[in-house]
PDB file of N, CA and C in Angstrom:
ATOM      1  N   UNK A   1       0.845  -1.164   0.002  1.00  0.00           N
ATOM      2  CA  UNK A   1      -0.188  -0.053  -0.022  1.00  0.00           C
ATOM      3  C   UNK A   1       0.935   1.192  -0.054  1.00  0.00           C
ATOM      4  N   UNK A   2       0.306   2.212  -0.548  1.00  0.00           N
ATOM      5  CA  UNK A   2       1.335   3.483  -0.846  1.00  0.00           C
ATOM      6  C   UNK A   2       1.205   4.263   0.561  1.00  0.00           C
ATOM      7  N   UNK A   3       2.375   4.596   0.891  1.00  0.00           N
ATOM      8  CA  UNK A   3       2.799   5.387   2.266  1.00  0.00           C
ATOM      9  C   UNK A   3       1.538   6.574   2.488  1.00  0.00           C
ATOM     10  N   UNK A   4       1.400   7.377   1.532  1.00  0.00           N
ATOM     11  CA  UNK A   4       0.355   8.402   1.709  1.00  0.00           C
ATOM     12  C   UNK A   4      -1.062   7.819   2.021  1.00  0.00           C
ATOM     13  N   UNK A   5      -1.317   6.490   1.351  1.00  0.00           N
ATOM     14  CA  UNK A   5      -2.679   6.168   1.617  1.00  0.00           C
ATOM     15  C   UNK A   5      -2.713   5.693   3.188  1.00  0.00           C
ATOM     16  N   UNK A   6      -1.648   4.815   3.522  1.00  0.00           N
ATOM     17  CA  UNK A   6      -1.576   4.513   5.124  1.00  0.00           C
ATOM     18  C   UNK A   6      -1.830   5.587   5.971  1.00  0.00           C
ATOM     19  N   UNK A   7      -1.129   6.685   5.629  1.00  0.00           N
ATOM     20  CA  UNK A   7      -1.321   7.954   6.544  1.00  0.00           C
ATOM     21  C   UNK A   7      -2.517   8.457   6.521  1.00  0.00           C
ATOM     22  N   UNK A   8      -3.194   8.460   5.423  1.00  0.00           N
ATOM     23  CA  UNK A   8      -4.597   9.043   5.255  1.00  0.00           C
ATOM     24  C   UNK A   8      -5.740   8.234   6.080  1.00  0.00           C
ATOM     25  N   UNK A   9      -5.426   6.819   5.951  1.00  0.00           N
ATOM     26  CA  UNK A   9      -6.249   5.992   6.715  1.00  0.00           C
ATOM     27  C   UNK A   9      -6.138   6.119   8.065  1.00  0.00           C
ATOM     28  N   UNK A  10      -5.018   6.191   8.553  1.00  0.00           N
ATOM     29  CA  UNK A  10      -4.667   6.352  10.064  1.00  0.00           C
ATOM     30  C   UNK A  10      -5.041   7.618  10.770  1.00  0.00           C
ATOM     31  N   UNK A  11      -5.108   8.653   9.717  1.00  0.00           N
ATOM     32  CA  UNK A  11      -5.625  10.012  10.028  1.00  0.00           C
ATOM     33  C   UNK A  11      -7.213   9.857  10.338  1.00  0.00           C
ATOM     34  N   UNK A  12      -7.656   9.363   9.221  1.00  0.00           N
ATOM     35  CA  UNK A  12      -9.082   9.464   9.279  1.00  0.00           C
ATOM     36  C   UNK A  12      -9.620   8.519  10.543  1.00  0.00           C
ATOM     37  N   UNK A  13      -9.121   7.409  10.881  1.00  0.00           N
ATOM     38  CA  UNK A  13      -9.446   6.764  12.006  1.00  0.00           C
ATOM     39  C   UNK A  13      -9.287   7.752  13.310  1.00  0.00           C
ATOM     40  N   UNK A  14      -8.320   8.438  13.437  1.00  0.00           N
ATOM     41  CA  UNK A  14      -8.252   9.243  14.582  1.00  0.00           C
ATOM     42  C   UNK A  14      -9.226  10.485  14.563  1.00  0.00           C
ATOM     43  N   UNK A  15      -9.525  10.837  13.465  1.00  0.00           N
ATOM     44  CA  UNK A  15     -10.677  12.066  13.255  1.00  0.00           C
ATOM     45  C   UNK A  15     -11.869  11.396  13.606  1.00  0.00           C
ATOM     46  N   UNK A  16     -12.286  10.269  13.205  1.00  0.00           N
ATOM     47  CA  UNK A  16     -13.604   9.618  13.372  1.00  0.00           C
ATOM     48  C   UNK A  16     -13.788   9.534  15.033  1.00  0.00           C
ATOM     49  N   UNK A  17     -12.795   8.834  15.563  1.00  0.00           N
ATOM     50  CA  UNK A  17     -13.045   8.909  17.049  1.00  0.00           C
ATOM     51  C   UNK A  17     -13.118  10.193  17.772  1.00  0.00           C
ATOM     52  N   UNK A  18     -12.393  11.347  17.426  1.00  0.00           N
ATOM     53  CA  UNK A  18     -12.639  12.734  17.848  1.00  0.00           C
ATOM     54  C   UNK A  18     -13.920  13.009  17.758  1.00  0.00           C
ATOM     55  N   UNK A  19     -14.422  12.915  16.442  1.00  0.00           N
ATOM     56  CA  UNK A  19     -15.922  13.131  16.241  1.00  0.00           C
ATOM     57  C   UNK A  19     -16.847  12.574  17.111  1.00  0.00           C
ATOM     58  N   UNK A  20     -16.767  11.183  17.195  1.00  0.00           N
ATOM     59  CA  UNK A  20     -17.556  10.509  18.142  1.00  0.00           C
ATOM     60  C   UNK A  20     -17.484  11.118  19.569  1.00  0.00           C
ATOM     61  N   UNK A  21     -16.491  11.515  20.143  1.00  0.00           N
ATOM     62  CA  UNK A  21     -16.370  12.072  21.279  1.00  0.00           C
ATOM     63  C   UNK A  21     -17.011  13.415  21.368  1.00  0.00           C
ATOM     64  N   UNK A  22     -16.824  14.137  20.337  1.00  0.00           N
ATOM     65  CA  UNK A  22     -17.261  15.484  20.357  1.00  0.00           C
ATOM     66  C   UNK A  22     -18.889  15.469  20.287  1.00  0.00           C
ATOM     67  N   UNK A  23     -19.345  14.735  19.367  1.00  0.00           N
ATOM     68  CA  UNK A  23     -20.957  14.960  19.139  1.00  0.00           C
ATOM     69  C   UNK A  23     -21.703  13.787  19.603  1.00  0.00           C
ATOM     70  N   UNK A  24     -20.926  12.644  20.249  1.00  0.00           N
ATOM     71  CA  UNK A  24     -21.645  11.621  20.754  1.00  0.00           C
ATOM     72  C   UNK A  24     -22.283  10.724  19.901  1.00  0.00           C
ATOM     73  N   UNK A  25     -21.719  10.473  18.756  1.00  0.00           N
ATOM     74  CA  UNK A  25     -22.056   9.515  17.678  1.00  0.00           C
ATOM     75  C   UNK A  25     -21.861   8.184  18.224  1.00  0.00           C
ATOM     76  N   UNK A  26     -22.808   7.183  18.419  1.00  0.00           N
ATOM     77  CA  UNK A  26     -22.633   5.933  18.881  1.00  0.00           C
ATOM     78  C   UNK A  26     -21.646   4.987  18.057  1.00  0.00           C
ATOM     79  N   UNK A  27     -21.887   4.926  16.736  1.00  0.00           N
ATOM     80  CA  UNK A  27     -21.181   3.937  15.948  1.00  0.00           C
ATOM     81  C   UNK A  27     -20.830   4.582  14.516  1.00  0.00           C
ATOM     82  N   UNK A  28     -19.761   3.894  13.876  1.00  0.00           N
ATOM     83  CA  UNK A  28     -19.543   4.236  12.653  1.00  0.00           C
ATOM     84  C   UNK A  28     -18.636   3.067  12.106  1.00  0.00           C
ATOM     85  N   UNK A  29     -18.663   2.505  10.859  1.00  0.00           N
ATOM     86  CA  UNK A  29     -18.064   1.569  10.283  1.00  0.00           C
ATOM     87  C   UNK A  29     -17.624   2.236   8.842  1.00  0.00           C
ATOM     88  N   UNK A  30     -16.246   2.102   8.507  1.00  0.00           N
ATOM     89  CA  UNK A  30     -15.905   2.612   7.219  1.00  0.00           C
ATOM     90  C   UNK A  30     -14.838   1.425   6.642  1.00  0.00           C
ATOM     91  N   UNK A  31     -14.799   1.639   5.366  1.00  0.00           N
ATOM     92  CA  UNK A  31     -14.036   0.654   4.712  1.00  0.00           C
ATOM     93  C   UNK A  31     -13.330   1.425   3.467  1.00  0.00           C
ATOM     94  N   UNK A  32     -12.127   1.106   3.259  1.00  0.00           N
ATOM     95  CA  UNK A  32     -11.415   1.968   2.159  1.00  0.00           C
ATOM     96  C   UNK A  32     -10.999   0.929   1.237  1.00  0.00           C
ATOM     97  N   UNK A  33     -11.311   1.203  -0.171  1.00  0.00           N
ATOM     98  CA  UNK A  33     -10.793   0.345  -1.271  1.00  0.00           C
ATOM     99  C   UNK A  33      -9.894   1.334  -2.098  1.00  0.00           C
ATOM    100  N   UNK A  34      -8.895   0.593  -2.663  1.00  0.00           N
ATOM    101  CA  UNK A  34      -7.918   1.219  -3.524  1.00  0.00           C
ATOM    102  C   UNK A  34      -7.392   0.258  -4.518  1.00  0.00           C
ATOM    103  N   UNK A  35      -7.625   0.673  -5.781  1.00  0.00           N
ATOM    104  CA  UNK A  35      -7.278  -0.235  -7.051  1.00  0.00           C
ATOM    105  C   UNK A  35      -8.084  -1.503  -7.032  1.00  0.00           C
ATOM    106  N   UNK A  36      -9.309  -1.398  -6.661  1.00  0.00           N
ATOM    107  CA  UNK A  36     -10.197  -2.529  -6.668  1.00  0.00           C
ATOM    108  C   UNK A  36      -9.966  -3.554  -5.334  1.00  0.00           C
ATOM    109  N   UNK A  37      -9.144  -3.131  -4.282  1.00  0.00           N
ATOM    110  CA  UNK A  37      -8.950  -4.061  -3.255  1.00  0.00           C
ATOM    111  C   UNK A  37      -9.389  -3.282  -2.032  1.00  0.00           C
ATOM    112  N   UNK A  38      -9.959  -4.133  -0.924  1.00  0.00           N
ATOM    113  CA  UNK A  38     -10.133  -3.463   0.186  1.00  0.00           C
ATOM    114  C   UNK A  38      -9.033  -3.476   0.923  1.00  0.00           C
ATOM    115  N   UNK A  39      -8.606  -2.269   1.434  1.00  0.00           N
ATOM    116  CA  UNK A  39      -7.313  -2.021   2.072  1.00  0.00           C
ATOM    117  C   UNK A  39      -7.465  -1.818   3.706  1.00  0.00           C
ATOM    118  N   UNK A  40      -8.656  -1.587   3.901  1.00  0.00           N
ATOM    119  CA  UNK A  40      -8.855  -1.327   5.504  1.00  0.00           C
ATOM    120  C   UNK A  40     -10.249  -1.242   5.725  1.00  0.00           C
ATOM    121  N   UNK A  41     -10.618  -2.011   6.826  1.00  0.00           N
ATOM    122  CA  UNK A  41     -12.006  -1.790   7.439  1.00  0.00           C
ATOM    123  C   UNK A  41     -11.828  -1.621   8.891  1.00  0.00           C
ATOM    124  N   UNK A  42     -12.777  -0.600   9.433  1.00  0.00           N
ATOM    125  CA  UNK A  42     -12.599  -0.152  10.804  1.00  0.00           C
ATOM    126  C   UNK A  42     -13.937   0.137  11.331  1.00  0.00           C
ATOM    127  N   UNK A  43     -14.219  -0.456  12.749  1.00  0.00           N
ATOM    128  CA  UNK A  43     -15.410  -0.181  13.386  1.00  0.00           C
ATOM    129  C   UNK A  43     -15.332   0.539  14.589  1.00  0.00           C
ATOM    130  N   UNK A  44     -15.915   1.689  14.777  1.00  0.00           N
ATOM    131  CA  UNK A  44     -15.901   2.601  16.003  1.00  0.00           C
ATOM    132  C   UNK A  44     -17.284   2.616  16.724  1.00  0.00           C
ATOM    133  N   UNK A  45     -17.068   2.193  18.135  1.00  0.00           N
ATOM    134  CA  UNK A  45     -18.298   2.598  18.934  1.00  0.00           C
ATOM    135  C   UNK A  45     -18.997   1.162  19.273  1.00  0.00           C
ATOM    136  N   UNK A  46     -20.312   1.195  19.442  1.00  0.00           N
ATOM    137  CA  UNK A  46     -21.171   0.132  19.860  1.00  0.00           C
ATOM    138  C   UNK A  46     -21.968  -0.415  19.003  1.00  0.00           C
ATOM    139  N   UNK A  47     -22.304  -1.601  18.860  1.00  0.00           N
ATOM    140  CA  UNK A  47     -23.456  -2.080  18.029  1.00  0.00           C
ATOM    141  C   UNK A  47     -24.718  -2.278  18.835  1.00  0.00           C
ATOM    142  N   UNK A  48     -24.451  -2.138  20.170  1.00  0.00           N
ATOM    143  CA  UNK A  48     -25.628  -2.250  21.077  1.00  0.00           C
ATOM    144  C   UNK A  48     -25.386  -1.321  22.196  1.00  0.00           C
ATOM    145  N   UNK A  49     -26.176  -0.212  22.252  1.00  0.00           N
ATOM    146  CA  UNK A  49     -26.077   0.662  23.476  1.00  0.00           C
ATOM    147  C   UNK A  49     -26.456   0.053  24.809  1.00  0.00           C
ATOM    148  N   UNK A  50     -27.547  -0.878  24.895  1.00  0.00           N
ATOM    149  CA  UNK A  50     -28.053  -1.512  25.969  1.00  0.00           C
ATOM    150  C   UNK A  50     -26.821  -2.297  26.631  1.00  0.00           C
ATOM    151  N   UNK A  51     -26.344  -3.367  25.744  1.00  0.00           N
ATOM    152  CA  UNK A  51     -25.484  -4.255  26.183  1.00  0.00           C
ATOM    153  C   UNK A  51     -24.067  -4.105  26.251  1.00  0.00           C
ATOM    154  N   UNK A  52     -23.684  -2.902  25.454  1.00  0.00           N
ATOM    155  CA  UNK A  52     -22.308  -2.658  25.290  1.00  0.00           C
ATOM    156  C   UNK A  52     -21.526  -3.367  24.578  1.00  0.00           C
ATOM    157  N   UNK A  53     -22.188  -4.227  23.540  1.00  0.00           N
ATOM    158  CA  UNK A  53     -21.573  -4.971  22.504  1.00  0.00           C
ATOM    159  C   UNK A  53     -20.762  -4.139  21.627  1.00  0.00           C
ATOM    160  N   UNK A  54     -19.447  -4.293  21.329  1.00  0.00           N
ATOM    161  CA  UNK A  54     -18.645  -3.483  20.468  1.00  0.00           C
ATOM    162  C   UNK A  54     -19.009  -3.746  18.908  1.00  0.00           C
ATOM    163  N   UNK A  55     -18.996  -2.787  18.171  1.00  0.00           N
ATOM    164  CA  UNK A  55     -19.103  -2.868  16.797  1.00  0.00           C
ATOM    165  C   UNK A  55     -17.970  -3.292  16.243  1.00  0.00           C
ATOM    166  N   UNK A  56     -18.210  -4.268  15.003  1.00  0.00           N
ATOM    167  CA  UNK A  56     -17.244  -4.883  14.292  1.00  0.00           C
ATOM    168  C   UNK A  56     -17.213  -4.624  12.817  1.00  0.00           C
ATOM    169  N   UNK A  57     -16.489  -4.660  11.898  1.00  0.00           N
ATOM    170  CA  UNK A  57     -16.761  -4.440  10.543  1.00  0.00           C
ATOM    171  C   UNK A  57     -17.739  -5.366   9.851  1.00  0.00           C
ATOM    172  N   UNK A  58     -18.159  -6.421  10.578  1.00  0.00           N
ATOM    173  CA  UNK A  58     -19.172  -7.505  10.102  1.00  0.00           C
ATOM    174  C   UNK A  58     -20.513  -7.200  10.271  1.00  0.00           C
ATOM    175  N   UNK A  59     -20.611  -6.093  11.226  1.00  0.00           N
ATOM    176  CA  UNK A  59     -22.199  -5.725  11.286  1.00  0.00           C
ATOM    177  C   UNK A  59     -22.487  -4.815  10.100  1.00  0.00           C
ATOM    178  N   UNK A  60     -23.859  -5.059   9.959  1.00  0.00           N
ATOM    179  CA  UNK A  60     -24.380  -4.255   8.777  1.00  0.00           C
ATOM    180  C   UNK A  60     -25.412  -3.300   9.245  1.00  0.00           C
ATOM    181  N   UNK A  61     -25.568  -2.374   8.400  1.00  0.00           N
ATOM    182  CA  UNK A  61     -26.703  -1.380   8.504  1.00  0.00           C
ATOM    183  C   UNK A  61     -27.535  -1.103   7.339  1.00  0.00           C
ATOM    184  N   UNK A  62     -28.665  -0.872   7.577  1.00  0.00           N
ATOM    185  CA  UNK A  62     -29.710  -0.616   6.268  1.00  0.00           C
ATOM    186  C   UNK A  62     -29.533   0.987   6.157  1.00  0.00           C
ATOM    187  N   UNK A  63     -28.883   1.285   5.005  1.00  0.00           N
ATOM    188  CA  UNK A  63     -28.452   2.740   4.604  1.00  0.00           C
ATOM    189  C   UNK A  63     -29.616   3.386   3.738  1.00  0.00           C
ATOM    190  N   UNK A  64     -30.239   2.583   3.091  1.00  0.00           N
ATOM    191  CA  UNK A  64     -31.375   3.192   2.175  1.00  0.00           C
ATOM    192  C   UNK A  64     -30.713   4.022   1.068  1.00  0.00           C
ATOM    193  N   UNK A  65     -31.304   5.179   1.079  1.00  0.00           N
ATOM    194  CA  UNK A  65     -31.050   6.350   0.032  1.00  0.00           C
ATOM    195  C   UNK A  65     -29.930   7.237   0.662  1.00  0.00           C
ATOM    196  N   UNK A  66     -29.178   6.864   1.791  1.00  0.00           N
ATOM    197  CA  UNK A  66     -28.172   7.574   2.181  1.00  0.00           C
ATOM    198  C   UNK A  66     -26.951   7.670   1.374  1.00  0.00           C
ATOM    199  N   UNK A  67     -26.781   6.479   0.558  1.00  0.00           N
ATOM    200  CA  UNK A  67     -25.619   6.220  -0.046  1.00  0.00           C
ATOM    201  C   UNK A  67     -25.575   7.026  -1.379  1.00  0.00           C
ATOM    202  N   UNK A  68     -26.875   7.572  -1.783  1.00  0.00           N
ATOM    203  CA  UNK A  68     -26.827   8.515  -2.833  1.00  0.00           C
ATOM    204  C   UNK A  68     -25.925   9.664  -2.767  1.00  0.00           C
ATOM    205  N   UNK A  69     -25.790  10.366  -1.499  1.00  0.00           N
ATOM    206  CA  UNK A  69     -24.945  11.511  -1.353  1.00  0.00           C
ATOM    207  C   UNK A  69     -23.613  10.964  -1.577  1.00  0.00           C
ATOM    208  N   UNK A  70     -23.040   9.843  -1.487  1.00  0.00           N
ATOM    209  CA  UNK A  70     -21.699   9.441  -1.558  1.00  0.00           C
ATOM    210  C   UNK A  70     -21.436   8.932  -3.072  1.00  0.00           C
ATOM    211  N   UNK A  71     -22.352   8.288  -3.609  1.00  0.00           N
ATOM    212  CA  UNK A  71     -22.232   7.944  -4.914  1.00  0.00           C
ATOM    213  C   UNK A  71     -22.367   9.031  -6.067  1.00  0.00           C
ATOM    214  N   UNK A  72     -23.197   9.893  -5.928  1.00  0.00           N
ATOM    215  CA  UNK A  72     -23.240  11.226  -6.779  1.00  0.00           C
ATOM    216  C   UNK A  72     -21.994  11.825  -7.089  1.00  0.00           C
ATOM    217  N   UNK A  73     -21.272  12.153  -6.106  1.00  0.00           N
ATOM    218  CA  UNK A  73     -19.991  13.070  -6.417  1.00  0.00           C
ATOM    219  C   UNK A  73     -18.903  12.132  -7.306  1.00  0.00           C
ATOM    220  N   UNK A  74     -19.074  10.844  -6.760  1.00  0.00           N
ATOM    221  CA  UNK A  74     -18.163   9.941  -7.327  1.00  0.00           C
ATOM    222  C   UNK A  74     -18.269   9.536  -8.773  1.00  0.00           C
ATOM    223  N   UNK A  75     -19.510   9.840  -9.239  1.00  0.00           N
ATOM    224  CA  UNK A  75     -19.809   9.480 -10.648  1.00  0.00           C
ATOM    225  C   UNK A  75     -19.108  10.348 -11.689  1.00  0.00           C
TER     226      UNK A  75
END
């Protein structure tokens, strides 16, 4: 993996953790693809606030039309 990409992925992880503490977002999952391969997957926060179960990259969310805002600029 390119050095710049590893640095960017590391920075994004710390930025997400900061945002979670700042605004109280309970969970976030991100994945990064580069040249057709998944190069990183990270989960931050909790899958279940009641039980304290930690979120993993294997958890899935229903995102419905929210993905349109990401897909549109990429087209």
